[in-house]
PDB file of N, CA and C in Angstrom:
ATOM      1  N   MET A   1     259.130  29.792-102.860  1.00  0.00           N
ATOM      2  CA  MET A   1     257.657  30.085-102.248  1.00  0.00           C
ATOM      3  C   MET A   1     257.423  31.548-103.259  1.00  0.00           C
ATOM      4  N   LYS A   2     256.177  32.032-103.310  1.00  0.00           N
ATOM      5  CA  LYS A   2     255.436  32.606-104.013  1.00  0.00           C
ATOM      6  C   LYS A   2     254.438  33.333-103.376  1.00  0.00           C
ATOM      7  N   ASN A   3     254.409  34.437-101.851  1.00  0.00           N
ATOM      8  CA  ASN A   3     253.716  34.572-101.252  1.00  0.00           C
ATOM      9  C   ASN A   3     253.292  36.004-101.369  1.00  0.00           C
ATOM     10  N   LYS A   4     251.825  36.065-100.898  1.00  0.00           N
ATOM     11  CA  LYS A   4     251.530  37.311-101.855  1.00  0.00           C
ATOM     12  C   LYS A   4     250.763  38.178-100.500  1.00  0.00           C
ATOM     13  N   LEU A   5     250.375  40.231-100.594  1.00  0.00           N
ATOM     14  CA  LEU A   5     250.243  40.271 -99.350  1.00  0.00           C
ATOM     15  C   LEU A   5     248.342  39.879 -99.176  1.00  0.00           C
ATOM     16  N   SER A   6     247.771  39.220-100.022  1.00  0.00           N
ATOM     17  CA  SER A   6     246.762  38.702 -99.723  1.00  0.00           C
ATOM     18  C   SER A   6     246.564  37.405 -98.674  1.00  0.00           C
ATOM     19  N   ASP A   7     248.040  36.979 -98.952  1.00  0.00           N
ATOM     20  CA  ASP A   7     248.810  35.525 -97.635  1.00  0.00           C
ATOM     21  C   ASP A   7     248.904  36.391 -96.029  1.00  0.00           C
ATOM     22  N   LEU A   8     249.308  37.410 -96.258  1.00  0.00           N
ATOM     23  CA  LEU A   8     249.762  38.619 -95.289  1.00  0.00           C
ATOM     24  C   LEU A   8     248.334  38.224 -94.689  1.00  0.00           C
ATOM     25  N   ASN A   9     247.735  38.707 -95.074  1.00  0.00           N
ATOM     26  CA  ASN A   9     245.811  39.282 -94.559  1.00  0.00           C
ATOM     27  C   ASN A   9     245.925  38.565 -93.775  1.00  0.00           C
ATOM     28  N   ASN A  10     245.471  36.880 -94.473  1.00  0.00           N
ATOM     29  CA  ASN A  10     244.794  35.894 -94.028  1.00  0.00           C
ATOM     30  C   ASN A  10     245.800  35.463 -92.738  1.00  0.00           C
ATOM     31  N   HIS A  11     247.240  35.601 -93.001  1.00  0.00           N
ATOM     32  CA  HIS A  11     247.686  35.088 -91.406  1.00  0.00           C
ATOM     33  C   HIS A  11     247.841  35.997 -90.599  1.00  0.00           C
ATOM     34  N   LEU A  12     247.357  37.404 -90.669  1.00  0.00           N
ATOM     35  CA  LEU A  12     247.091  38.281 -89.540  1.00  0.00           C
ATOM     36  C   LEU A  12     245.824  38.467 -89.020  1.00  0.00           C
ATOM     37  N   PHE A  13     244.692  37.972 -90.171  1.00  0.00           N
ATOM     38  CA  PHE A  13     243.503  37.974 -89.496  1.00  0.00           C
ATOM     39  C   PHE A  13     242.961  36.424 -88.906  1.00  0.00           C
ATOM     40  N   ALA A  14     243.952  35.264 -89.213  1.00  0.00           N
ATOM     41  CA  ALA A  14     243.988  34.080 -88.423  1.00  0.00           C
ATOM     42  C   ALA A  14     244.800  34.315 -87.050  1.00  0.00           C
ATOM     43  N   GLU A  15     245.429  35.173 -86.814  1.00  0.00           N
ATOM     44  CA  GLU A  15     245.803  35.694 -85.138  1.00  0.00           C
ATOM     45  C   GLU A  15     244.740  35.817 -84.629  1.00  0.00           C
ATOM     46  N   ILE A  16     244.314  37.207 -85.382  1.00  0.00           N
ATOM     47  CA  ILE A  16     243.201  37.814 -84.475  1.00  0.00           C
ATOM     48  C   ILE A  16     242.069  37.166 -84.307  1.00  0.00           C
ATOM     49  N   GLU A  17     241.786  36.050 -84.480  1.00  0.00           N
ATOM     50  CA  GLU A  17     241.081  35.089 -84.211  1.00  0.00           C
ATOM     51  C   GLU A  17     241.693  34.212 -82.984  1.00  0.00           C
ATOM     52  N   ARG A  18     242.638  33.831 -83.683  1.00  0.00           N
ATOM     53  CA  ARG A  18     243.076  33.265 -82.304  1.00  0.00           C
ATOM     54  C   ARG A  18     243.116  33.858 -81.178  1.00  0.00           C
ATOM     55  N   LEU A  19     243.882  35.727 -81.422  1.00  0.00           N
ATOM     56  CA  LEU A  19     244.067  36.001 -79.958  1.00  0.00           C
ATOM     57  C   LEU A  19     242.279  36.308 -79.534  1.00  0.00           C
ATOM     58  N   GLY A  20     241.433  35.845 -80.337  1.00  0.00           N
ATOM     59  CA  GLY A  20     239.725  36.400 -79.504  1.00  0.00           C
ATOM     60  C   GLY A  20     239.088  34.905 -78.699  1.00  0.00           C
ATOM     61  N   ASP A  21     240.104  34.067 -78.722  1.00  0.00           N
ATOM     62  CA  ASP A  21     239.701  32.426 -78.152  1.00  0.00           C
ATOM     63  C   ASP A  21     239.507  32.447 -77.070  1.00  0.00           C
ATOM     64  N   GLU A  22     237.906  32.741 -76.354  1.00  0.00           N
ATOM     65  CA  GLU A  22     238.052  33.002 -74.868  1.00  0.00           C
ATOM     66  C   GLU A  22     238.433  32.166 -74.008  1.00  0.00           C
ATOM     67  N   ASP A  23     238.729  30.897 -74.820  1.00  0.00           N
ATOM     68  CA  ASP A  23     239.272  29.888 -73.825  1.00  0.00           C
ATOM     69  C   ASP A  23     240.684  30.052 -73.535  1.00  0.00           C
ATOM     70  N   LEU A  24     241.074  30.699 -74.248  1.00  0.00           N
ATOM     71  CA  LEU A  24     242.393  30.988 -74.279  1.00  0.00           C
ATOM     72  C   LEU A  24     243.232  31.360 -73.010  1.00  0.00           C
ATOM     73  N   LYS A  25     243.822  31.300 -71.894  1.00  0.00           N
ATOM     74  CA  LYS A  25     244.464  31.551 -70.497  1.00  0.00           C
ATOM     75  C   LYS A  25     245.895  31.489 -70.586  1.00  0.00           C
ATOM     76  N   GLY A  26     245.891  31.705 -69.366  1.00  0.00           N
ATOM     77  CA  GLY A  26     247.736  31.772 -69.218  1.00  0.00           C
ATOM     78  C   GLY A  26     248.740  31.861 -69.280  1.00  0.00           C
ATOM     79  N   GLU A  27     249.516  30.534 -69.888  1.00  0.00           N
ATOM     80  CA  GLU A  27     250.281  30.243 -70.668  1.00  0.00           C
ATOM     81  C   GLU A  27     250.462  30.731 -71.688  1.00  0.00           C
ATOM     82  N   ASP A  28     249.467  29.542 -72.203  1.00  0.00           N
ATOM     83  CA  ASP A  28     248.671  29.224 -73.801  1.00  0.00           C
ATOM     84  C   ASP A  28     248.603  30.755 -74.494  1.00  0.00           C
ATOM     85  N   LEU A  29     247.643  31.562 -73.738  1.00  0.00           N
ATOM     86  CA  LEU A  29     247.860  33.198 -73.781  1.00  0.00           C
ATOM     87  C   LEU A  29     248.768  34.260 -74.179  1.00  0.00           C
ATOM     88  N   ALA A  30     249.460  34.040 -72.980  1.00  0.00           N
ATOM     89  CA  ALA A  30     250.623  34.606 -73.375  1.00  0.00           C
ATOM     90  C   ALA A  30     251.929  34.372 -73.998  1.00  0.00           C
ATOM     91  N   GLU A  31     251.501  32.567 -74.957  1.00  0.00           N
ATOM     92  CA  GLU A  31     252.378  32.383 -75.912  1.00  0.00           C
ATOM     93  C   GLU A  31     251.652  33.197 -77.105  1.00  0.00           C
ATOM     94  N   GLU A  32     250.189  32.855 -77.166  1.00  0.00           N
ATOM     95  CA  GLU A  32     249.600  33.813 -78.279  1.00  0.00           C
ATOM     96  C   GLU A  32     249.841  34.829 -78.651  1.00  0.00           C
ATOM     97  N   ILE A  33     249.890  35.737 -77.497  1.00  0.00           N
ATOM     98  CA  ILE A  33     250.481  37.139 -77.293  1.00  0.00           C
ATOM     99  C   ILE A  33     252.062  37.262 -77.950  1.00  0.00           C
ATOM    100  N   ASN A  34     252.644  36.539 -77.279  1.00  0.00           N
ATOM    101  CA  ASN A  34     254.036  36.450 -78.202  1.00  0.00           C
ATOM    102  C   ASN A  34     254.389  36.186 -79.550  1.00  0.00           C
ATOM    103  N   ARG A  35     253.753  35.237 -79.682  1.00  0.00           N
ATOM    104  CA  ARG A  35     253.576  34.892 -81.815  1.00  0.00           C
ATOM    105  C   ARG A  35     253.179  36.107 -82.045  1.00  0.00           C
ATOM    106  N   ALA A  36     251.818  36.852 -81.720  1.00  0.00           N
ATOM    107  CA  ALA A  36     251.023  37.729 -82.299  1.00  0.00           C
ATOM    108  C   ALA A  36     251.792  38.779 -82.672  1.00  0.00           C
ATOM    109  N   HIS A  37     253.247  39.193 -81.939  1.00  0.00           N
ATOM    110  CA  HIS A  37     253.915  40.363 -81.102  1.00  0.00           C
ATOM    111  C   HIS A  37     254.812  39.960 -82.979  1.00  0.00           C
ATOM    112  N   ALA A  38     255.366  38.684 -82.795  1.00  0.00           N
ATOM    113  CA  ALA A  38     256.444  38.112 -84.096  1.00  0.00           C
ATOM    114  C   ALA A  38     255.921  38.540 -85.003  1.00  0.00           C
ATOM    115  N   ILE A  39     254.668  38.454 -85.142  1.00  0.00           N
ATOM    116  CA  ILE A  39     253.978  38.048 -86.533  1.00  0.00           C
ATOM    117  C   ILE A  39     253.797  39.698 -87.169  1.00  0.00           C
ATOM    118  N   THR A  40     253.204  40.677 -86.084  1.00  0.00           N
ATOM    119  CA  THR A  40     253.432  41.677 -86.178  1.00  0.00           C
ATOM    120  C   THR A  40     254.725  42.476 -86.962  1.00  0.00           C
ATOM    121  N   ASN A  41     255.549  41.842 -86.261  1.00  0.00           N
ATOM    122  CA  ASN A  41     256.802  42.718 -86.740  1.00  0.00           C
ATOM    123  C   ASN A  41     257.191  42.350 -87.761  1.00  0.00           C
ATOM    124  N   VAL A  42     256.881  40.752 -88.221  1.00  0.00           N
ATOM    125  CA  VAL A  42     257.295  40.389 -89.323  1.00  0.00           C
ATOM    126  C   VAL A  42     256.838  41.128 -90.706  1.00  0.00           C
ATOM    127  N   ALA A  43     255.378  41.319 -90.844  1.00  0.00           N
ATOM    128  CA  ALA A  43     254.478  42.040 -91.011  1.00  0.00           C
ATOM    129  C   ALA A  43     254.658  43.280 -91.786  1.00  0.00           C
ATOM    130  N   ALA A  44     255.048  44.218 -90.540  1.00  0.00           N
ATOM    131  CA  ALA A  44     255.344  45.428 -90.179  1.00  0.00           C
ATOM    132  C   ALA A  44     256.828  45.464 -91.454  1.00  0.00           C
ATOM    133  N   GLN A  45     257.427  44.672 -91.833  1.00  0.00           N
ATOM    134  CA  GLN A  45     258.637  44.318 -92.445  1.00  0.00           C
ATOM    135  C   GLN A  45     257.880  44.599 -93.843  1.00  0.00           C
ATOM    136  N   ILE A  46     256.903  43.261 -94.076  1.00  0.00           N
ATOM    137  CA  ILE A  46     257.161  42.918 -95.330  1.00  0.00           C
ATOM    138  C   ILE A  46     256.365  43.996 -96.136  1.00  0.00           C
ATOM    139  N   ILE A  47     255.443  45.305 -94.972  1.00  0.00           N
ATOM    140  CA  ILE A  47     254.337  46.693 -95.229  1.00  0.00           C
ATOM    141  C   ILE A  47     256.046  46.996 -95.895  1.00  0.00           C
ATOM    142  N   ASN A  48     256.464  46.910 -95.207  1.00  0.00           N
ATOM    143  CA  ASN A  48     258.011  48.351 -95.121  1.00  0.00           C
ATOM    144  C   ASN A  48     258.245  48.125 -96.974  1.00  0.00           C
ATOM    145  N   SER A  49     259.081  46.892 -96.836  1.00  0.00           N
ATOM    146  CA  SER A  49     259.390  46.656 -98.150  1.00  0.00           C
ATOM    147  C   SER A  49     258.520  46.666 -99.426  1.00  0.00           C
ATOM    148  N   GLY A  50     257.463  46.855 -99.514  1.00  0.00           N
ATOM    149  CA  GLY A  50     256.506  46.676-100.348  1.00  0.00           C
ATOM    150  C   GLY A  50     256.647  48.309-100.781  1.00  0.00           C
ATOM    151  N   ASN A  51     256.391  49.118 -99.573  1.00  0.00           N
ATOM    152  CA  ASN A  51     256.273  50.074 -99.564  1.00  0.00           C
ATOM    153  C   ASN A  51     257.726  51.188-100.277  1.00  0.00           C
ATOM    154  N   LEU A  52     258.574  50.627-100.164  1.00  0.00           N
ATOM    155  CA  LEU A  52     259.938  51.080-100.762  1.00  0.00           C
ATOM    156  C   LEU A  52     259.539  50.604-101.873  1.00  0.00           C
ATOM    157  N   VAL A  53     259.505  49.748-102.241  1.00  0.00           N
ATOM    158  CA  VAL A  53     259.510  48.940-103.818  1.00  0.00           C
ATOM    159  C   VAL A  53     258.182  50.181-104.982  1.00  0.00           C
ATOM    160  N   LEU A  54     257.222  50.152-103.973  1.00  0.00           N
ATOM    161  CA  LEU A  54     256.065  51.012-104.926  1.00  0.00           C
ATOM    162  C   LEU A  54     257.419  52.536-104.671  1.00  0.00           C
ATOM    163  N   LYS A  55     257.090  53.063-104.000  1.00  0.00           N
ATOM    164  CA  LYS A  55     258.177  54.122-103.538  1.00  0.00           C
ATOM    165  C   LYS A  55     259.315  54.243-105.146  1.00  0.00           C
ATOM    166  N   ALA A  56     259.683  53.464-105.089  1.00  0.00           N
ATOM    167  CA  ALA A  56     260.849  53.511-105.842  1.00  0.00           C
ATOM    168  C   ALA A  56     260.747  53.470-107.537  1.00  0.00           C
ATOM    169  N   LYS A  57     259.791  52.465-107.790  1.00  0.00           N
ATOM    170  CA  LYS A  57     259.144  52.441-108.969  1.00  0.00           C
ATOM    171  C   LYS A  57     258.266  53.908-109.479  1.00  0.00           C
ATOM    172  N   LEU A  58     257.352  54.458-108.586  1.00  0.00           N
ATOM    173  CA  LEU A  58     257.083  56.083-108.642  1.00  0.00           C
ATOM    174  C   LEU A  58     258.253  56.714-109.499  1.00  0.00           C
ATOM    175  N   ALA A  59     259.926  56.686-108.276  1.00  0.00           N
ATOM    176  CA  ALA A  59     260.093  57.288-108.708  1.00  0.00           C
ATOM    177  C   ALA A  59     260.716  57.339-110.267  1.00  0.00           C
ATOM    178  N   ILE A  60     260.970  56.452-110.697  1.00  0.00           N
ATOM    179  CA  ILE A  60     261.473  55.554-111.975  1.00  0.00           C
ATOM    180  C   ILE A  60     260.859  56.221-113.246  1.00  0.00           C
ATOM    181  N   ASP A  61     259.575  56.173-112.749  1.00  0.00           N
ATOM    182  CA  ASP A  61     258.452  56.439-113.781  1.00  0.00           C
ATOM    183  C   ASP A  61     258.100  57.641-114.150  1.00  0.00           C
ATOM    184  N   ASN A  62     258.275  58.690-112.856  1.00  0.00           N
ATOM    185  CA  ASN A  62     258.205  60.291-112.729  1.00  0.00           C
ATOM    186  C   ASN A  62     259.472  60.684-112.932  1.00  0.00           C
ATOM    187  N   ALA A  63     260.772  59.889-113.192  1.00  0.00           N
ATOM    188  CA  ALA A  63     262.092  60.374-113.182  1.00  0.00           C
ATOM    189  C   ALA A  63     262.315  60.868-114.355  1.00  0.00           C
ATOM    190  N   ASN A  64     262.826  62.317-114.620  1.00  0.00           N
ATOM    191  CA  ASN A  64     263.330  62.965-115.838  1.00  0.00           C
ATOM    192  C   ASN A  64     263.944  62.407-116.279  1.00  0.00           C
ATOM    193  N   ASP A  65     264.271  61.704-117.954  1.00  0.00           N
ATOM    194  CA  ASP A  65     265.209  61.242-119.254  1.00  0.00           C
ATOM    195  C   ASP A  65     266.179  61.459-118.892  1.00  0.00           C
ATOM    196  N   ASP A  66     266.649  62.678-118.136  1.00  0.00           N
ATOM    197  CA  ASP A  66     268.100  62.708-118.029  1.00  0.00           C
ATOM    198  C   ASP A  66     269.061  62.399-116.314  1.00  0.00           C
ATOM    199  N   ILE A  67     268.161  61.922-116.149  1.00  0.00           N
ATOM    200  CA  ILE A  67     268.292  61.239-114.946  1.00  0.00           C
ATOM    201  C   ILE A  67     268.344  59.707-115.054  1.00  0.00           C
ATOM    202  N   LYS A  68     269.729  58.818-114.395  1.00  0.00           N
ATOM    203  CA  LYS A  68     269.423  57.566-114.609  1.00  0.00           C
ATOM    204  C   LYS A  68     269.735  56.690-113.749  1.00  0.00           C
ATOM    205  N   ILE A  69     268.184  56.119-112.760  1.00  0.00           N
ATOM    206  CA  ILE A  69     268.474  55.251-111.884  1.00  0.00           C
ATOM    207  C   ILE A  69     269.038  53.613-112.304  1.00  0.00           C
ATOM    208  N   PRO A  70     269.478  53.429-111.436  1.00  0.00           N
ATOM    209  CA  PRO A  70     270.246  52.160-111.192  1.00  0.00           C
ATOM    210  C   PRO A  70     269.439  51.260-110.992  1.00  0.00           C
ATOM    211  N   LEU A  71     269.082  50.585-111.292  1.00  0.00           N
ATOM    212  CA  LEU A  71     268.043  49.365-111.288  1.00  0.00           C
ATOM    213  C   LEU A  71     268.716  47.651-110.201  1.00  0.00           C
ATOM    214  N   LEU A  72     268.001  47.260-109.972  1.00  0.00           N
ATOM    215  CA  LEU A  72     268.866  46.357-108.784  1.00  0.00           C
ATOM    216  C   LEU A  72     268.221  45.316-109.898  1.00  0.00           C
ATOM    217  N   THR A  73     269.032  43.844-109.916  1.00  0.00           N
ATOM    218  CA  THR A  73     268.835  42.803-110.446  1.00  0.00           C
ATOM    219  C   THR A  73     268.301  41.776-110.055  1.00  0.00           C
ATOM    220  N   ASP A  74     267.977  40.245-109.335  1.00  0.00           N
ATOM    221  CA  ASP A  74     268.057  39.625-109.021  1.00  0.00           C
ATOM    222  C   ASP A  74     269.211  38.975-108.953  1.00  0.00           C
TER     223      ASP A  74
END
């Protein structure tokens, strides 16, 4: 699976479109709202993870040569 942040954006905008459906009512609307909450929670974790990777990269790039930062490998 090779997802990108642009894929996340597409999923978020698709959810906005589903929530904006004025014909969605009652139980169907409640189900869509629950789905939106789940998507939002997962999206937040993806963004937080990406932010952590960026901060680590910046820290490594800006580190003093005397400081050795262990790298995580796959």
